[in-house]
Amino acid sequence: MRGAHAQTILGRYLRVVRGISFRRERWNTPDGDFVDVDFPTVAGQTLDYRAPIVLLLHGLEGSARTGYAKRFYLECARRGVACIGLNFRSCSGELNKTLQLYHSGETEDARWVISEIHRKYPKHPLGAVGVSLGGNVLLKYLGEQGENTPLSAAVAISVPYDLAACDEALSSGFAKVYVRHLLMGLKAKVRARSDELAGHCDVESALRSTTFREFDDAITAPLHGFQSAKDYYTKSSSNQFLSKITIPTQLIHALDDPFIPRAAFPAETVNANPVLDARVSERGGHVGFVGGLAPWYPVFAAEKYAADYLAHLLVRPFPVRHPTNSSVESTEDESVDALE
């Protein structure tokens, strides 16, 4: 498909995956809320009871069961890697208890879930993959943690490294179609909790918003302690955290991504950090990367690249990584069923 928008739009609808079942667990967070965590099982694939585990962080208004997530689970299972999918708050089909939602810079839930996985499965090498917004969260987390992370490898796909630049790119032309679609889901959540939000945010402005900046000024910023959307974008953009990442991390990116201006890819910073492996292509759109000989037999390159990279680094004999100054106690069931 020769076009950024074709890659972006058709890439979503062509990712049809069957044969994956899910077990969902609800994990109560330290602040009195919850996150829903999905454990996928791929039909016909049997994993070793100490298989590496990869946590998936999805994109804006997605979930741990979206098309690219299922495709990634399939590719990982074929390589002997187990997966866990984190649904960000409000993205599992149920609104959360607290007003706090999720956003591009919110790393506390990811940090806590990663630590919980490490506590529950201390003998398994751990990795993570983040897609779009989830990629920004993952890279920010890795930069914040430095050496103090149990993750041994990571992949980030189609990341909005500079949130302000991406917002500007999405505010004109055909890109407005994407914004309108994504805002529909966000506005529905605001509408469902309008009475509770009224004392904290400008609900009416949020429901009238036509750009991410307008929505973030009305909801995201005041709800999460930022002065404005500009302040939120400045503090949450992952480009400023790349130099502090210490584990092998692959960055999968297309220069024609309609969400991300070409100049927003931080090539100089990436090249200066030897643990970062940039896999940059001219074409691919936003979370597209669709190839193959015909539309009825598509190949999804991003998921294959990510699974290859993580399997290469995580499948034994790669050592289990323990963060600096940490100790863990095993609560693991030593059986194949531990992750099924």
Protein backbone atom coordinates (compact mmCIF):
# COMPACT_ATOMS: atom_id res chain seq x y z
CA MET A 1 0.00 0.00 0.00
CA ARG A 2 1.71 3.11 -1.24
CA GLY A 3 0.52 5.87 1.03
CA ALA A 4 0.77 6.84 4.66
CA HIS A 5 -2.99 7.01 5.12
CA ALA A 6 -3.56 3.68 3.35
CA GLN A 7 -0.95 2.07 5.59
CA THR A 8 -2.49 3.63 8.70
CA ILE A 9 -6.16 2.93 7.98
CA LEU A 10 -6.03 -0.38 6.13
CA GLY A 11 -3.31 -1.63 8.45
CA ARG A 12 -5.86 -1.47 11.22
CA TYR A 13 -8.64 -3.30 9.39
CA LEU A 14 -6.41 -5.96 7.81
CA ARG A 15 -5.10 -7.12 11.20
CA VAL A 16 -7.60 -9.93 11.68
CA VAL A 17 -6.32 -12.54 14.11
CA ARG A 18 -8.15 -15.68 15.21
CA GLY A 19 -7.27 -18.45 17.62
CA ILE A 20 -6.39 -16.27 20.62
CA SER A 21 -8.29 -16.57 23.90
CA PHE A 22 -7.89 -14.34 26.94
CA ARG A 23 -7.93 -14.65 30.69
CA ARG A 24 -8.45 -11.32 32.43
CA GLU A 25 -7.30 -10.39 35.91
CA ARG A 26 -8.20 -7.25 37.82
CA TRP A 27 -5.27 -5.88 39.78
CA ASN A 28 -6.04 -3.38 42.55
CA THR A 29 -3.67 -0.42 42.36
CA PRO A 30 -2.03 1.27 45.38
CA ASP A 31 -4.27 4.35 45.00
CA GLY A 32 -7.48 2.37 45.49
CA ASP A 33 -8.31 1.94 41.81
CA PHE A 34 -7.72 -0.99 39.44
CA VAL A 35 -6.24 -1.98 36.11
CA ASP A 36 -7.38 -4.92 34.00
CA VAL A 37 -4.60 -7.18 32.78
CA ASP A 38 -5.03 -9.67 29.92
CA PHE A 39 -3.24 -13.01 29.59
CA PRO A 40 -3.52 -14.25 25.97
CA THR A 41 -3.27 -17.90 24.95
CA VAL A 42 -2.50 -18.67 21.31
CA ALA A 43 -4.12 -21.85 19.98
CA GLY A 44 -1.64 -24.56 19.11
CA GLN A 45 1.28 -22.88 20.89
CA THR A 46 2.73 -24.41 24.05
CA LEU A 47 5.12 -22.28 26.08
CA ASP A 48 7.79 -23.37 28.52
CA TYR A 49 6.86 -22.61 32.11
CA ARG A 50 9.84 -20.26 32.38
CA ALA A 51 9.27 -18.57 29.04
CA PRO A 52 10.22 -14.91 28.76
CA ILE A 53 7.33 -12.52 29.39
CA VAL A 54 6.65 -9.34 27.41
CA LEU A 55 4.23 -6.66 28.60
CA LEU A 56 2.28 -4.82 25.89
CA LEU A 57 1.24 -1.17 26.32
CA HIS A 58 -1.39 -0.15 23.77
CA GLY A 59 -2.10 3.15 22.05
CA LEU A 60 -4.64 5.95 22.54
CA GLU A 61 -8.17 4.59 23.01
CA GLY A 62 -6.99 1.10 22.18
CA SER A 63 -6.84 -1.94 24.42
CA ALA A 64 -4.75 -5.02 25.10
CA ARG A 65 -7.00 -6.91 22.66
CA THR A 66 -6.72 -4.65 19.63
CA GLY A 67 -5.54 -5.98 16.26
CA TYR A 68 -1.84 -5.18 16.49
CA ALA A 69 -1.78 -6.55 20.06
CA LYS A 70 -3.20 -9.90 18.94
CA ARG A 71 -0.80 -10.05 16.02
CA PHE A 72 2.10 -9.36 18.39
CA TYR A 73 0.96 -12.09 20.81
CA LEU A 74 0.85 -14.53 17.90
CA GLU A 75 4.35 -13.65 16.71
CA CYS A 76 5.74 -13.90 20.24
CA ALA A 77 4.13 -17.28 20.91
CA ARG A 78 5.72 -18.65 17.73
CA ARG A 79 9.10 -17.65 19.19
CA GLY A 80 8.54 -19.10 22.65
CA VAL A 81 7.70 -15.79 24.35
CA ALA A 82 4.66 -15.26 26.61
CA CYS A 83 2.76 -11.97 26.71
CA ILE A 84 0.69 -9.94 29.13
CA GLY A 85 -1.41 -6.97 28.01
CA LEU A 86 -2.06 -3.96 30.24
CA ASN A 87 -5.31 -2.11 29.61
CA PHE A 88 -4.80 1.51 30.59
CA ARG A 89 -7.41 2.93 32.94
CA SER A 90 -10.85 3.18 31.29
CA CYS A 91 -9.70 1.14 28.26
CA SER A 92 -10.88 -2.32 29.31
CA GLY A 93 -14.57 -1.58 28.76
CA GLU A 94 -15.27 -0.28 32.25
CA LEU A 95 -14.68 3.14 33.77
CA ASN A 96 -12.37 3.26 36.75
CA LYS A 97 -13.20 4.16 40.33
CA THR A 98 -11.11 7.34 40.48
CA LEU A 99 -11.28 10.25 38.05
CA GLN A 100 -7.68 9.72 36.96
CA LEU A 101 -7.46 8.46 33.38
CA TYR A 102 -4.31 7.68 31.41
CA HIS A 103 -2.15 9.90 29.24
CA SER A 104 1.09 9.90 27.25
CA GLY A 105 3.25 10.69 30.27
CA GLU A 106 1.49 8.64 32.94
CA THR A 107 4.04 5.99 33.93
CA GLU A 108 2.94 5.08 37.45
CA ASP A 109 0.56 2.28 36.42
CA ALA A 110 3.11 0.82 33.99
CA ARG A 111 5.83 1.00 36.65
CA TRP A 112 3.63 -0.72 39.22
CA VAL A 113 2.43 -3.44 36.82
CA ILE A 114 5.99 -4.20 35.70
CA SER A 115 7.08 -4.52 39.33
CA GLU A 116 4.11 -6.81 40.03
CA ILE A 117 4.95 -9.04 37.08
CA HIS A 118 8.55 -9.24 38.29
CA ARG A 119 7.34 -10.13 41.78
CA LYS A 120 4.94 -12.81 40.54
CA TYR A 121 7.31 -14.32 37.93
CA PRO A 122 10.87 -13.59 39.14
CA LYS A 123 12.45 -16.45 37.15
CA HIS A 124 11.19 -15.17 33.79
CA PRO A 125 13.22 -12.70 31.70
CA LEU A 126 11.03 -9.62 31.16
CA GLY A 127 10.57 -7.29 28.21
CA ALA A 128 8.01 -4.75 27.02
CA VAL A 129 6.58 -3.36 23.82
CA GLY A 130 4.75 -0.04 23.55
CA VAL A 131 2.67 1.13 20.59
CA SER A 132 2.05 4.82 19.83
CA LEU A 133 0.97 6.44 23.13
CA GLY A 134 2.02 3.22 24.89
CA GLY A 135 5.44 3.58 23.27
CA ASN A 136 5.80 7.08 24.66
CA VAL A 137 4.84 5.80 28.12
CA LEU A 138 7.36 2.95 27.84
CA LEU A 139 10.28 5.15 26.74
CA LYS A 140 9.53 7.73 29.44
CA TYR A 141 9.40 4.93 32.03
CA LEU A 142 12.71 3.48 30.84
CA GLY A 143 14.39 6.90 31.02
CA GLU A 144 12.99 7.58 34.48
CA GLN A 145 14.08 4.20 35.82
CA GLY A 146 17.52 3.97 34.23
CA GLU A 147 19.23 0.88 35.68
CA ASN A 148 16.43 0.34 38.19
CA THR A 149 14.09 -1.70 35.99
CA PRO A 150 13.51 -5.47 35.84
CA LEU A 151 13.06 -5.22 32.06
CA SER A 152 15.89 -6.59 29.95
CA ALA A 153 14.73 -5.41 26.51
CA ALA A 154 12.04 -3.22 24.96
CA VAL A 155 10.51 -2.17 21.65
CA ALA A 156 8.59 1.05 20.90
CA ILE A 157 6.52 1.39 17.72
CA SER A 158 5.27 4.61 16.06
CA VAL A 159 6.05 6.79 19.06
CA PRO A 160 4.96 10.48 19.25
CA TYR A 161 8.34 11.58 20.60
CA ASP A 162 7.42 15.29 20.56
CA LEU A 163 3.79 15.65 21.66
CA ALA A 164 3.49 19.33 20.76
CA ALA A 165 4.82 18.75 17.24
CA CYS A 166 2.48 15.79 16.79
CA ASP A 167 -0.52 17.80 17.98
CA GLU A 168 0.31 20.48 15.40
CA ALA A 169 0.63 17.86 12.64
CA LEU A 170 -2.77 16.42 13.54
CA SER A 171 -4.52 19.80 13.54
CA SER A 172 -4.76 20.22 9.76
CA GLY A 173 -5.56 18.37 6.57
CA PHE A 174 -6.71 14.77 6.41
CA ALA A 175 -5.15 14.12 9.83
CA LYS A 176 -8.20 15.77 11.38
CA VAL A 177 -10.10 12.59 10.56
CA TYR A 178 -7.93 10.65 12.99
CA VAL A 179 -8.39 13.26 15.70
CA ARG A 180 -12.16 13.29 15.27
CA HIS A 181 -12.27 9.50 15.58
CA LEU A 182 -10.07 9.35 18.68
CA LEU A 183 -11.83 12.26 20.37
CA MET A 184 -15.15 10.45 20.06
CA GLY A 185 -14.00 7.82 22.54
CA LEU A 186 -12.44 10.33 24.91
CA LYS A 187 -15.54 12.54 24.87
CA ALA A 188 -17.78 9.55 25.59
CA LYS A 189 -15.82 8.92 28.78
CA VAL A 190 -16.06 12.56 29.76
CA ARG A 191 -19.79 12.58 29.07
CA ALA A 192 -20.28 9.47 31.22
CA ARG A 193 -18.63 11.18 34.21
CA SER A 194 -19.55 14.79 33.51
CA ASP A 195 -21.07 15.41 36.94
CA GLU A 196 -17.95 14.15 38.75
CA LEU A 197 -15.57 15.99 36.43
CA ALA A 198 -17.43 19.30 36.56
CA GLY A 199 -15.66 20.47 39.71
CA HIS A 200 -12.21 19.66 38.34
CA CYS A 201 -12.31 20.27 34.58
CA ASP A 202 -14.01 22.32 31.89
CA VAL A 203 -16.40 19.64 30.67
CA GLU A 204 -18.22 21.85 28.17
CA SER A 205 -14.97 22.89 26.48
CA ALA A 206 -13.87 19.26 26.31
CA LEU A 207 -17.08 18.20 24.60
CA ARG A 208 -16.71 21.05 22.07
CA SER A 209 -13.03 20.30 21.38
CA THR A 210 -11.89 19.53 17.84
CA THR A 211 -8.15 19.16 18.54
CA PHE A 212 -6.12 17.23 21.08
CA ARG A 213 -4.73 20.49 22.48
CA GLU A 214 -8.23 21.77 23.23
CA PHE A 215 -9.17 18.50 24.92
CA ASP A 216 -5.92 18.34 26.86
CA ASP A 217 -6.31 21.94 28.04
CA ALA A 218 -9.82 21.14 29.27
CA ILE A 219 -9.36 17.64 30.73
CA THR A 220 -5.89 16.08 30.70
CA ALA A 221 -3.97 19.02 32.14
CA PRO A 222 -6.21 19.97 35.11
CA LEU A 223 -7.04 16.35 35.94
CA HIS A 224 -3.40 15.28 36.16
CA GLY A 225 -1.70 18.30 37.68
CA PHE A 226 -0.40 20.12 34.60
CA GLN A 227 -0.75 23.88 34.14
CA SER A 228 -1.87 23.54 30.53
CA ALA A 229 -1.67 21.30 27.48
CA LYS A 230 1.66 22.93 26.66
CA ASP A 231 2.99 22.03 30.11
CA TYR A 232 1.69 18.47 29.67
CA TYR A 233 3.35 18.07 26.27
CA THR A 234 6.64 19.54 27.51
CA LYS A 235 6.90 17.26 30.54
CA SER A 236 5.55 14.08 28.92
CA SER A 237 7.33 13.93 25.54
CA SER A 238 9.60 10.89 25.49
CA ASN A 239 12.36 12.45 23.38
CA GLN A 240 13.92 14.01 26.50
CA PHE A 241 14.19 10.59 28.24
CA LEU A 242 15.93 8.66 25.46
CA SER A 243 19.46 9.51 26.59
CA LYS A 244 18.78 7.94 30.02
CA ILE A 245 17.62 4.55 28.74
CA THR A 246 20.05 1.77 29.73
CA ILE A 247 18.55 -1.46 28.32
CA PRO A 248 18.51 -2.60 24.66
CA THR A 249 15.54 -0.88 23.04
CA GLN A 250 14.42 -0.99 19.42
CA LEU A 251 12.56 1.97 17.93
CA ILE A 252 10.35 1.09 14.93
CA HIS A 253 9.34 4.20 13.01
CA ALA A 254 8.09 5.29 9.58
CA LEU A 255 9.12 8.69 8.28
CA ASP A 256 5.77 9.11 6.52
CA ASP A 257 3.79 8.65 9.76
CA PRO A 258 0.85 11.10 9.48
CA PHE A 259 0.74 11.48 13.27
CA ILE A 260 4.41 12.38 13.63
CA PRO A 261 6.27 15.04 11.58
CA ARG A 262 9.45 13.75 9.95
CA ALA A 263 11.54 16.23 11.94
CA ALA A 264 10.07 14.99 15.23
CA PHE A 265 12.04 11.74 15.11
CA PRO A 266 15.00 12.47 17.46
CA ALA A 267 17.69 10.91 15.27
CA GLU A 268 20.62 12.71 16.92
CA THR A 269 19.61 11.65 20.44
CA VAL A 270 18.95 8.09 19.30
CA ASN A 271 22.33 7.81 17.57
CA ALA A 272 24.10 9.07 20.70
CA ASN A 273 22.76 6.23 22.90
CA PRO A 274 24.33 2.87 21.99
CA VAL A 275 21.52 0.78 23.54
CA LEU A 276 18.95 2.26 21.14
CA ASP A 277 18.41 0.41 17.85
CA ALA A 278 16.50 2.56 15.35
CA ARG A 279 14.65 0.67 12.63
CA VAL A 280 13.43 3.53 10.46
CA SER A 281 11.65 3.13 7.12
CA GLU A 282 10.51 5.66 4.55
CA ARG A 283 6.99 4.18 4.42
CA GLY A 284 4.68 2.49 6.90
CA GLY A 285 2.26 5.10 8.19
CA HIS A 286 1.19 5.06 11.82
CA VAL A 287 1.27 1.50 13.19
CA GLY A 288 0.86 0.29 9.63
CA PHE A 289 3.99 -1.41 8.23
CA VAL A 290 1.91 -3.64 5.96
CA GLY A 291 3.62 -5.60 3.22
CA GLY A 292 3.02 -8.80 1.29
CA LEU A 293 2.19 -9.81 -2.25
CA ALA A 294 -1.55 -9.11 -2.06
CA PRO A 295 -4.11 -7.53 0.31
CA TRP A 296 -5.57 -10.95 1.05
CA TYR A 297 -2.16 -12.18 2.26
CA PRO A 298 -0.71 -9.27 4.25
CA VAL A 299 2.53 -9.31 6.23
CA PHE A 300 2.77 -7.08 9.29
CA ALA A 301 6.40 -6.12 9.64
CA ALA A 302 6.36 -4.19 12.92
CA GLU A 303 5.06 -7.10 14.99
CA LYS A 304 7.55 -9.50 13.36
CA TYR A 305 10.50 -7.15 13.90
CA ALA A 306 9.49 -6.53 17.51
CA ALA A 307 8.99 -10.21 18.30
CA ASP A 308 12.30 -11.14 16.62
CA TYR A 309 14.19 -8.48 18.58
CA LEU A 310 12.70 -9.40 21.95
CA ALA A 311 13.02 -13.16 21.44
CA HIS A 312 16.67 -12.77 20.43
CA LEU A 313 17.43 -10.93 23.67
CA LEU A 314 15.11 -12.68 26.11
CA VAL A 315 14.98 -16.37 25.23
CA ARG A 316 17.38 -18.28 27.46
CA PRO A 317 20.29 -18.35 28.19
CA PHE A 318 19.81 -14.57 28.59
CA PRO A 319 20.02 -13.87 32.36
CA VAL A 320 17.10 -12.62 34.42
CA ARG A 321 17.60 -8.96 35.23
CA HIS A 322 16.96 -7.62 38.73
CA PRO A 323 16.76 -3.84 39.25
CA THR A 324 19.32 -2.09 41.41
CA ASN A 325 18.75 -2.43 45.17
CA SER A 326 15.73 -4.69 44.80
CA SER A 327 14.72 -8.05 46.17
CA VAL A 328 11.85 -10.24 45.07
CA GLU A 329 10.02 -13.20 46.53
CA SER A 330 8.62 -15.83 44.19
CA THR A 331 4.89 -16.44 44.15
CA GLU A 332 5.13 -18.32 40.88
CA ASP A 333 3.30 -21.56 40.13
CA GLU A 334 6.02 -23.74 38.60
CA SER A 335 3.83 -25.09 35.80
CA VAL A 336 2.92 -24.43 32.22
CA ASP A 337 -0.40 -23.09 33.49
CA ALA A 338 1.32 -20.23 35.31
CA LEU A 339 0.74 -17.92 32.34
CA GLU A 340 -2.31 -19.56 30.77
